[in-house]
């Protein structure tokens, strides 16, 4: 993942993950049949991500994200500070409805274009897009594909009991700290006329957003019936495409197919790590920490998952977290692992699929974000968000 972040000579992120997986298979460290089994076992999350990408692509075709951006500009009321607050909450809502990946790869370009057209410094708002995408992604089971890996069929009531409050707290902490960090950039005003130049929004935009809300209801029903979310997301992609009246070919071209090569390679890499005994060793340490005290075990789980997500990407770490959830002495440790898996990626540009896709989208528009610059922001916001979540999980029963 370090090479994926550096991208020597402009190589694509997926090439390094696929290269590493191929080396392991050729060297015999990961048998090819085990690699295929590792990929196939994640069929639900792969279908879920495919469905999310289809929904996002159809929504983009319909103008739904542009409609949200215009709403943000209008309710910013000419104040850059208020504009940032409205955008942050809009990003949190989109993440809850469509997942963090949609907020990162579709909403970000729309925000960039809107800020550029209005003559606004886009960088604080672009950082706001990606940080809220990851920060707001652990409060609902379907807001992040990693959640589906850790808990494929969660109890929705228990999930909300453990993570709803820290989710709201994390969003508030992230917003307040960003308002302070970017305070100089958010002074002054902008002209509200810039959101009216494109004419009225197409009727398909509102219809597509309504369909996306219906898909969320489908997720809730599926969870209540303990059904996998992947097929629901794919059905939702078809329904959203119909609502958007979007050509299937154009929707398919907007799907990032190379992402599935990246994911497959990551699943192979993490399977090799599991065969080497790392997860068994980590589980032993986790159970030992829980035996010494629940707070210590929760903290180790959350911080450990966050740091591993920085090193390996949060999706393969989520695979390990699912193993820990199934075998740990305290089953509710899953919620601490989820917090670490979803909040930890805010530290680096390769910590989550959403962040990787966000970087790709910005590079396509000539915007360069240095990994060190991203890390500095993450080091400010991630520790307090994790601390509040750990404390809540220790208090709640």
Protein backbone atom coordinates (compact mmCIF):
# COMPACT_ATOMS: atom_id res chain seq x y z
CA UNK A 1 0.00 0.00 0.00
CA UNK A 2 2.99 2.31 0.42
CA UNK A 3 3.78 1.85 -3.28
CA UNK A 4 0.13 2.47 -4.12
CA UNK A 5 0.32 5.79 -2.32
CA UNK A 6 3.61 6.84 -3.94
CA UNK A 7 2.63 5.53 -7.41
CA UNK A 8 6.13 5.55 -9.01
CA UNK A 9 6.05 6.88 -12.58
CA UNK A 10 2.31 7.36 -12.43
CA UNK A 11 1.40 3.68 -12.09
CA UNK A 12 -2.13 2.78 -11.00
CA UNK A 13 -2.90 1.76 -7.41
CA UNK A 14 -4.29 -1.65 -8.38
CA UNK A 15 -1.09 -2.70 -10.21
CA UNK A 16 0.93 -2.83 -6.99
CA UNK A 17 -1.68 -4.84 -5.09
CA UNK A 18 -2.10 -7.26 -8.00
CA UNK A 19 1.67 -7.55 -8.39
CA UNK A 20 2.08 -8.39 -4.71
CA UNK A 21 -0.67 -11.01 -4.86
CA UNK A 22 0.85 -12.56 -8.00
CA UNK A 23 4.27 -12.80 -6.35
CA UNK A 24 2.77 -14.61 -3.36
CA UNK A 25 0.97 -17.11 -5.62
CA UNK A 26 4.03 -17.75 -7.82
CA UNK A 27 6.27 -18.13 -4.79
CA UNK A 28 3.86 -20.65 -3.27
CA UNK A 29 3.16 -18.55 -0.20
CA UNK A 30 -0.52 -18.42 -1.22
CA UNK A 31 -1.85 -21.43 -3.20
CA UNK A 32 -3.92 -20.37 -6.19
CA UNK A 33 -6.97 -22.34 -5.01
CA UNK A 34 -6.78 -20.56 -1.63
CA UNK A 35 -6.56 -17.22 -3.47
CA UNK A 36 -9.69 -18.03 -5.48
CA UNK A 37 -11.48 -19.13 -2.32
CA UNK A 38 -10.48 -15.90 -0.57
CA UNK A 39 -11.95 -13.82 -3.40
CA UNK A 40 -15.08 -15.94 -3.76
CA UNK A 41 -15.83 -15.81 -0.05
CA UNK A 42 -16.27 -12.05 -0.36
CA UNK A 43 -18.99 -12.29 -3.03
CA UNK A 44 -21.44 -10.34 -0.87
CA UNK A 45 -19.21 -7.30 -0.42
CA UNK A 46 -18.12 -7.37 -4.07
CA UNK A 47 -21.76 -7.34 -5.17
CA UNK A 48 -22.47 -4.62 -2.61
CA UNK A 49 -19.68 -2.42 -3.98
CA UNK A 50 -20.81 -3.09 -7.56
CA UNK A 51 -24.34 -2.07 -6.63
CA UNK A 52 -23.12 1.07 -4.87
CA UNK A 53 -21.07 2.06 -7.89
CA UNK A 54 -24.06 1.49 -10.16
CA UNK A 55 -26.31 3.60 -7.92
CA UNK A 56 -23.69 6.36 -7.77
CA UNK A 57 -23.18 6.33 -11.54
CA UNK A 58 -26.92 6.50 -12.21
CA UNK A 59 -27.30 9.31 -9.67
CA UNK A 60 -24.51 11.25 -11.36
CA UNK A 61 -26.16 10.76 -14.77
CA UNK A 62 -29.45 12.06 -13.38
CA UNK A 63 -27.93 15.26 -11.98
CA UNK A 64 -28.76 14.24 -8.39
CA UNK A 65 -25.35 15.18 -7.01
CA UNK A 66 -25.40 18.49 -8.87
CA UNK A 67 -28.81 19.13 -7.28
CA UNK A 68 -27.34 18.50 -3.82
CA UNK A 69 -24.39 20.81 -4.59
CA UNK A 70 -26.77 23.58 -5.66
CA UNK A 71 -28.75 23.07 -2.45
CA UNK A 72 -25.51 23.44 -0.49
CA UNK A 73 -24.58 26.66 -2.31
CA UNK A 74 -28.04 28.10 -1.81
CA UNK A 75 -28.24 27.35 1.90
CA UNK A 76 -24.72 28.55 2.45
CA UNK A 77 -26.38 31.98 2.20
CA UNK A 78 -23.23 33.63 0.87
CA UNK A 79 -21.09 32.73 3.91
CA UNK A 80 -18.07 30.50 3.30
CA UNK A 81 -18.17 29.22 6.87
CA UNK A 82 -21.86 28.35 6.66
CA UNK A 83 -21.29 26.83 3.23
CA UNK A 84 -18.69 24.47 4.71
CA UNK A 85 -21.06 23.42 7.51
CA UNK A 86 -23.93 22.74 5.08
CA UNK A 87 -21.62 20.80 2.75
CA UNK A 88 -20.30 18.72 5.65
CA UNK A 89 -23.77 17.66 6.74
CA UNK A 90 -24.84 17.05 3.13
CA UNK A 91 -21.83 14.77 2.73
CA UNK A 92 -22.76 12.92 5.92
CA UNK A 93 -26.31 12.39 4.64
CA UNK A 94 -25.08 11.17 1.24
CA UNK A 95 -22.72 8.77 2.99
CA UNK A 96 -25.60 7.36 5.02
CA UNK A 97 -27.77 6.96 1.91
CA UNK A 98 -25.26 5.97 -0.76
CA UNK A 99 -22.05 4.98 1.11
CA UNK A 100 -18.73 6.72 1.65
CA UNK A 101 -17.49 5.69 -1.79
CA UNK A 102 -20.31 7.60 -3.50
CA UNK A 103 -19.54 10.73 -1.48
CA UNK A 104 -15.87 10.42 -2.37
CA UNK A 105 -15.97 9.62 -6.08
CA UNK A 106 -19.14 11.39 -7.25
CA UNK A 107 -19.89 14.22 -4.86
CA UNK A 108 -16.26 15.39 -4.77
CA UNK A 109 -16.02 16.28 -8.51
CA UNK A 110 -19.37 18.08 -8.33
CA UNK A 111 -18.20 20.10 -5.32
CA UNK A 112 -14.90 20.87 -7.04
CA UNK A 113 -16.68 22.17 -10.13
CA UNK A 114 -19.12 24.24 -8.05
CA UNK A 115 -16.35 25.81 -5.96
CA UNK A 116 -14.28 26.56 -9.07
CA UNK A 117 -17.22 28.20 -10.87
CA UNK A 118 -17.88 30.37 -7.82
CA UNK A 119 -14.23 31.38 -7.45
CA UNK A 120 -13.92 29.68 -4.04
CA UNK A 121 -10.76 27.98 -2.76
CA UNK A 122 -11.85 24.38 -3.19
CA UNK A 123 -9.30 22.57 -1.01
CA UNK A 124 -11.04 22.91 2.40
CA UNK A 125 -14.27 21.70 0.83
CA UNK A 126 -12.55 18.80 -0.94
CA UNK A 127 -10.98 17.71 2.33
CA UNK A 128 -14.39 18.07 3.93
CA UNK A 129 -15.88 15.73 1.32
CA UNK A 130 -13.47 12.87 1.91
CA UNK A 131 -13.15 13.18 5.68
CA UNK A 132 -16.89 13.24 6.25
CA UNK A 133 -17.20 10.29 3.85
CA UNK A 134 -15.03 8.14 6.13
CA UNK A 135 -16.05 9.74 9.44
CA UNK A 136 -19.78 9.30 8.79
CA UNK A 137 -19.46 5.73 7.55
CA UNK A 138 -19.66 3.62 10.72
CA UNK A 139 -23.02 4.72 12.14
CA UNK A 140 -25.07 2.56 9.75
CA UNK A 141 -24.28 -0.98 8.56
CA UNK A 142 -24.57 -0.07 4.87
CA UNK A 143 -22.70 3.26 4.88
CA UNK A 144 -19.36 1.55 4.20
CA UNK A 145 -18.57 -1.72 2.38
CA UNK A 146 -16.14 -2.55 5.20
CA UNK A 147 -19.09 -2.73 7.59
CA UNK A 148 -20.65 -5.45 5.45
CA UNK A 149 -17.47 -7.49 5.73
CA UNK A 150 -17.17 -7.21 9.50
CA UNK A 151 -20.89 -7.79 10.18
CA UNK A 152 -22.64 -9.24 7.10
CA UNK A 153 -26.00 -9.58 8.91
CA UNK A 154 -25.97 -7.30 11.97
CA UNK A 155 -28.78 -6.74 14.44
CA UNK A 156 -29.79 -3.21 13.43
CA UNK A 157 -31.06 -2.26 16.92
CA UNK A 158 -27.86 -3.38 18.66
CA UNK A 159 -25.78 -1.73 15.95
CA UNK A 160 -27.45 1.63 16.48
CA UNK A 161 -27.29 1.29 20.25
CA UNK A 162 -23.52 0.90 20.12
CA UNK A 163 -22.53 3.20 17.25
CA UNK A 164 -25.21 5.86 16.63
CA UNK A 165 -24.11 8.17 19.46
CA UNK A 166 -20.35 8.00 18.74
CA UNK A 167 -21.14 8.47 15.06
CA UNK A 168 -22.89 11.78 15.73
CA UNK A 169 -20.11 12.79 18.12
CA UNK A 170 -17.42 11.95 15.54
CA UNK A 171 -19.15 14.04 12.87
CA UNK A 172 -19.37 16.97 15.30
CA UNK A 173 -15.73 16.66 16.37
CA UNK A 174 -14.51 16.45 12.77
CA UNK A 175 -16.57 19.49 11.76
CA UNK A 176 -15.49 21.67 14.69
CA UNK A 177 -11.81 20.85 14.22
CA UNK A 178 -11.97 21.50 10.48
CA UNK A 179 -13.70 24.83 11.05
CA UNK A 180 -10.76 25.76 13.27
CA UNK A 181 -8.05 24.38 10.96
CA UNK A 182 -9.48 26.09 7.86
CA UNK A 183 -10.70 29.23 9.65
CA UNK A 184 -8.62 31.56 7.48
CA UNK A 185 -9.86 29.93 4.27
CA UNK A 186 -13.49 30.17 5.37
CA UNK A 187 -13.56 33.89 6.05
CA UNK A 188 -15.51 36.12 3.73
CA UNK A 189 -18.42 35.58 1.39
CA UNK A 190 -19.29 34.28 -2.06
CA UNK A 191 -21.94 35.23 -4.59
CA UNK A 192 -25.07 33.07 -4.47
CA UNK A 193 -25.81 33.73 -8.14
CA UNK A 194 -23.23 31.14 -9.21
CA UNK A 195 -25.59 28.24 -8.46
CA UNK A 196 -28.32 29.55 -10.77
CA UNK A 197 -26.42 29.68 -14.05
CA UNK A 198 -27.16 26.12 -15.14
CA UNK A 199 -30.96 26.52 -15.11
CA UNK A 200 -33.48 24.31 -13.30
CA UNK A 201 -32.47 20.85 -12.16
CA UNK A 202 -33.74 17.96 -14.30
CA UNK A 203 -36.79 16.11 -12.87
CA UNK A 204 -34.80 12.86 -12.88
CA UNK A 205 -32.52 14.24 -10.14
CA UNK A 206 -35.17 14.34 -7.40
CA UNK A 207 -36.67 11.06 -8.61
CA UNK A 208 -33.28 9.37 -8.40
CA UNK A 209 -32.66 10.63 -4.86
CA UNK A 210 -36.07 9.32 -3.84
CA UNK A 211 -35.20 5.94 -5.35
CA UNK A 212 -31.92 5.92 -3.42
CA UNK A 213 -33.88 6.49 -0.19
CA UNK A 214 -36.08 3.54 -1.14
CA UNK A 215 -32.97 1.39 -1.59
CA UNK A 216 -31.91 2.34 1.95
CA UNK A 217 -35.29 1.09 3.17
CA UNK A 218 -34.52 -2.13 1.30
CA UNK A 219 -31.25 -2.42 3.22
CA UNK A 220 -33.11 -2.09 6.52
CA UNK A 221 -35.63 -4.75 5.51
CA UNK A 222 -32.82 -7.07 4.39
CA UNK A 223 -31.05 -6.63 7.72
CA UNK A 224 -34.27 -7.34 9.60
CA UNK A 225 -34.64 -10.59 7.65
CA UNK A 226 -30.91 -11.38 7.95
CA UNK A 227 -30.45 -11.28 4.17
CA UNK A 228 -27.17 -10.31 2.41
CA UNK A 229 -26.94 -6.70 1.25
CA UNK A 230 -25.00 -7.33 -1.98
CA UNK A 231 -27.99 -8.48 -4.07
CA UNK A 232 -30.12 -5.66 -2.61
CA UNK A 233 -27.54 -3.09 -3.73
CA UNK A 234 -27.44 -4.56 -7.25
CA UNK A 235 -31.23 -4.49 -7.50
CA UNK A 236 -31.07 -0.91 -6.24
CA UNK A 237 -28.58 -0.04 -8.99
CA UNK A 238 -31.03 -1.32 -11.62
CA UNK A 239 -33.91 0.62 -10.05
CA UNK A 240 -31.85 3.80 -9.78
CA UNK A 241 -30.73 3.51 -13.40
CA UNK A 242 -34.36 3.23 -14.48
CA UNK A 243 -35.39 6.19 -12.32
CA UNK A 244 -32.53 8.27 -13.73
CA UNK A 245 -33.43 7.24 -17.30
CA UNK A 246 -29.70 6.74 -17.76
CA UNK A 247 -28.31 4.64 -20.64
CA UNK A 248 -27.01 1.36 -19.24
CA UNK A 249 -23.81 1.66 -21.27
CA UNK A 250 -22.98 5.06 -19.81
CA UNK A 251 -23.67 3.84 -16.28
CA UNK A 252 -21.43 0.82 -16.86
CA UNK A 253 -18.61 3.03 -18.16
CA UNK A 254 -18.75 5.10 -14.99
CA UNK A 255 -18.17 2.03 -12.82
CA UNK A 256 -14.53 1.76 -11.72
CA UNK A 257 -13.90 -1.81 -12.87
CA UNK A 258 -10.22 -1.67 -11.97
CA UNK A 259 -11.32 -1.31 -8.36
CA UNK A 260 -12.40 -4.96 -8.36
CA UNK A 261 -8.89 -6.01 -9.40
CA UNK A 262 -7.57 -4.00 -6.46
CA UNK A 263 -10.07 -5.58 -4.08
CA UNK A 264 -9.39 -9.12 -5.31
CA UNK A 265 -5.67 -8.61 -4.83
CA UNK A 266 -6.16 -7.18 -1.34
CA UNK A 267 -8.29 -10.17 -0.33
CA UNK A 268 -5.54 -12.51 -1.55
CA UNK A 269 -2.88 -10.58 0.36
CA UNK A 270 -4.87 -10.65 3.59
CA UNK A 271 -5.55 -14.38 3.17
CA UNK A 272 -1.81 -14.97 2.95
CA UNK A 273 -1.36 -12.95 6.13
CA UNK A 274 -4.03 -15.09 7.81
CA UNK A 275 -2.28 -18.30 6.74
CA UNK A 276 0.92 -16.96 8.27
CA UNK A 277 -0.87 -16.92 11.63
CA UNK A 278 -1.09 -13.16 12.12
CA UNK A 279 -4.81 -13.08 12.85
CA UNK A 280 -4.59 -15.92 15.35
CA UNK A 281 -1.77 -14.09 17.09
CA UNK A 282 -3.74 -10.83 17.08
CA UNK A 283 -6.86 -12.57 18.41
CA UNK A 284 -4.83 -13.99 21.27
CA UNK A 285 -3.62 -10.53 22.15
CA UNK A 286 -7.15 -9.14 21.93
CA UNK A 287 -8.61 -11.80 24.19
CA UNK A 288 -5.77 -11.22 26.63
CA UNK A 289 -6.54 -7.49 26.71
CA UNK A 290 -10.27 -8.20 27.25
CA UNK A 291 -9.37 -10.50 30.14
CA UNK A 292 -7.50 -7.63 31.82
CA UNK A 293 -10.41 -5.23 31.38
CA UNK A 294 -13.10 -4.37 28.85
CA UNK A 295 -11.86 -0.80 28.32
CA UNK A 296 -8.37 -2.06 27.51
CA UNK A 297 -9.75 -4.61 25.04
CA UNK A 298 -11.99 -2.05 23.32
CA UNK A 299 -9.12 0.43 23.02
CA UNK A 300 -6.75 -2.21 21.62
CA UNK A 301 -9.36 -3.33 19.07
CA UNK A 302 -10.22 0.17 17.86
CA UNK A 303 -6.69 1.57 17.75
CA UNK A 304 -5.21 -1.64 16.35
CA UNK A 305 -7.81 -1.80 13.54
CA UNK A 306 -7.19 1.86 12.76
CA UNK A 307 -3.41 1.45 12.50
CA UNK A 308 -3.69 -1.73 10.44
CA UNK A 309 -6.08 0.08 8.07
CA UNK A 310 -3.39 2.71 7.60
CA UNK A 311 -0.87 0.02 6.63
CA UNK A 312 -3.01 -2.42 4.66
CA UNK A 313 -6.23 -0.58 3.62
CA UNK A 314 -9.39 -1.01 5.67
CA UNK A 315 -11.16 -3.58 3.45
CA UNK A 316 -8.68 -6.42 4.02
CA UNK A 317 -8.41 -5.40 7.67
CA UNK A 318 -12.19 -5.74 7.84
CA UNK A 319 -11.74 -9.37 6.76
CA UNK A 320 -9.47 -9.91 9.75
CA UNK A 321 -11.94 -8.04 11.96
CA UNK A 322 -14.70 -10.42 10.86
CA UNK A 323 -12.48 -13.32 11.98
CA UNK A 324 -11.91 -11.65 15.34
CA UNK A 325 -15.63 -10.97 15.72
CA UNK A 326 -16.47 -14.62 15.11
CA UNK A 327 -13.87 -15.97 17.54
CA UNK A 328 -13.35 -13.31 20.23
CA UNK A 329 -14.46 -13.93 23.79
CA UNK A 330 -16.69 -10.81 23.70
CA UNK A 331 -18.85 -10.59 20.52
CA UNK A 332 -19.56 -6.86 20.92
CA UNK A 333 -15.88 -6.23 20.15
CA UNK A 334 -17.11 -5.98 16.54
CA UNK A 335 -18.25 -2.40 17.16
CA UNK A 336 -14.82 -1.29 18.36
CA UNK A 337 -13.23 -2.97 15.34
CA UNK A 338 -15.72 -1.23 13.04
CA UNK A 339 -14.86 2.16 14.51
CA UNK A 340 -11.17 1.56 13.93
CA UNK A 341 -11.68 0.22 10.42
CA UNK A 342 -13.82 3.21 9.39
CA UNK A 343 -12.10 6.08 11.25
CA UNK A 344 -8.49 4.92 10.82
CA UNK A 345 -8.42 5.56 7.04
CA UNK A 346 -8.71 9.29 7.77
CA UNK A 347 -4.99 9.14 8.54
CA UNK A 348 -3.68 8.29 5.05
CA UNK A 349 -4.56 8.55 1.37
CA UNK A 350 -4.59 4.75 0.94
CA UNK A 351 -6.47 3.79 4.09
CA UNK A 352 -9.82 3.20 2.40
CA UNK A 353 -11.19 2.52 -1.06
CA UNK A 354 -13.07 5.83 -0.84
CA UNK A 355 -9.86 7.78 -0.24
CA UNK A 356 -8.04 6.04 -3.10
CA UNK A 357 -10.91 6.82 -5.49
CA UNK A 358 -11.02 10.40 -4.17
CA UNK A 359 -7.34 10.83 -5.01
CA UNK A 360 -7.92 9.44 -8.50
CA UNK A 361 -10.81 11.86 -9.07
CA UNK A 362 -8.69 14.83 -7.98
CA UNK A 363 -5.69 13.81 -10.10
CA UNK A 364 -7.96 13.68 -13.14
CA UNK A 365 -8.71 17.35 -12.49
CA UNK A 366 -5.12 18.38 -11.92
CA UNK A 367 -5.44 18.65 -8.13
CA UNK A 368 -2.51 17.19 -6.19
CA UNK A 369 -2.82 16.26 -2.52
CA UNK A 370 0.40 15.36 -0.72
CA UNK A 371 0.13 12.33 1.61
CA UNK A 372 1.90 14.30 4.37
CA UNK A 373 -0.68 17.08 4.12
CA UNK A 374 -3.45 14.51 4.51
CA UNK A 375 -1.66 12.84 7.43
CA UNK A 376 -1.40 16.13 9.33
CA UNK A 377 -5.17 16.58 9.17
CA UNK A 378 -5.77 12.98 10.18
CA UNK A 379 -3.50 13.21 13.21
CA UNK A 380 -5.62 16.08 14.50
CA UNK A 381 -9.10 14.62 14.01
CA UNK A 382 -8.76 10.83 14.34
CA UNK A 383 -7.51 10.50 17.96
CA UNK A 384 -10.37 12.45 19.59
CA UNK A 385 -12.99 10.69 17.43
CA UNK A 386 -11.60 7.30 18.39
CA UNK A 387 -11.33 8.28 22.05
CA UNK A 388 -15.00 9.31 22.26
CA UNK A 389 -16.08 6.10 20.51
CA UNK A 390 -13.98 3.92 22.81
CA UNK A 391 -15.41 5.64 25.88
CA UNK A 392 -19.00 5.19 24.69
CA UNK A 393 -18.49 1.52 23.86
CA UNK A 394 -17.05 1.01 27.35
CA UNK A 395 -20.09 2.69 28.96
CA UNK A 396 -22.86 1.14 26.88
CA UNK A 397 -24.13 -2.35 27.70
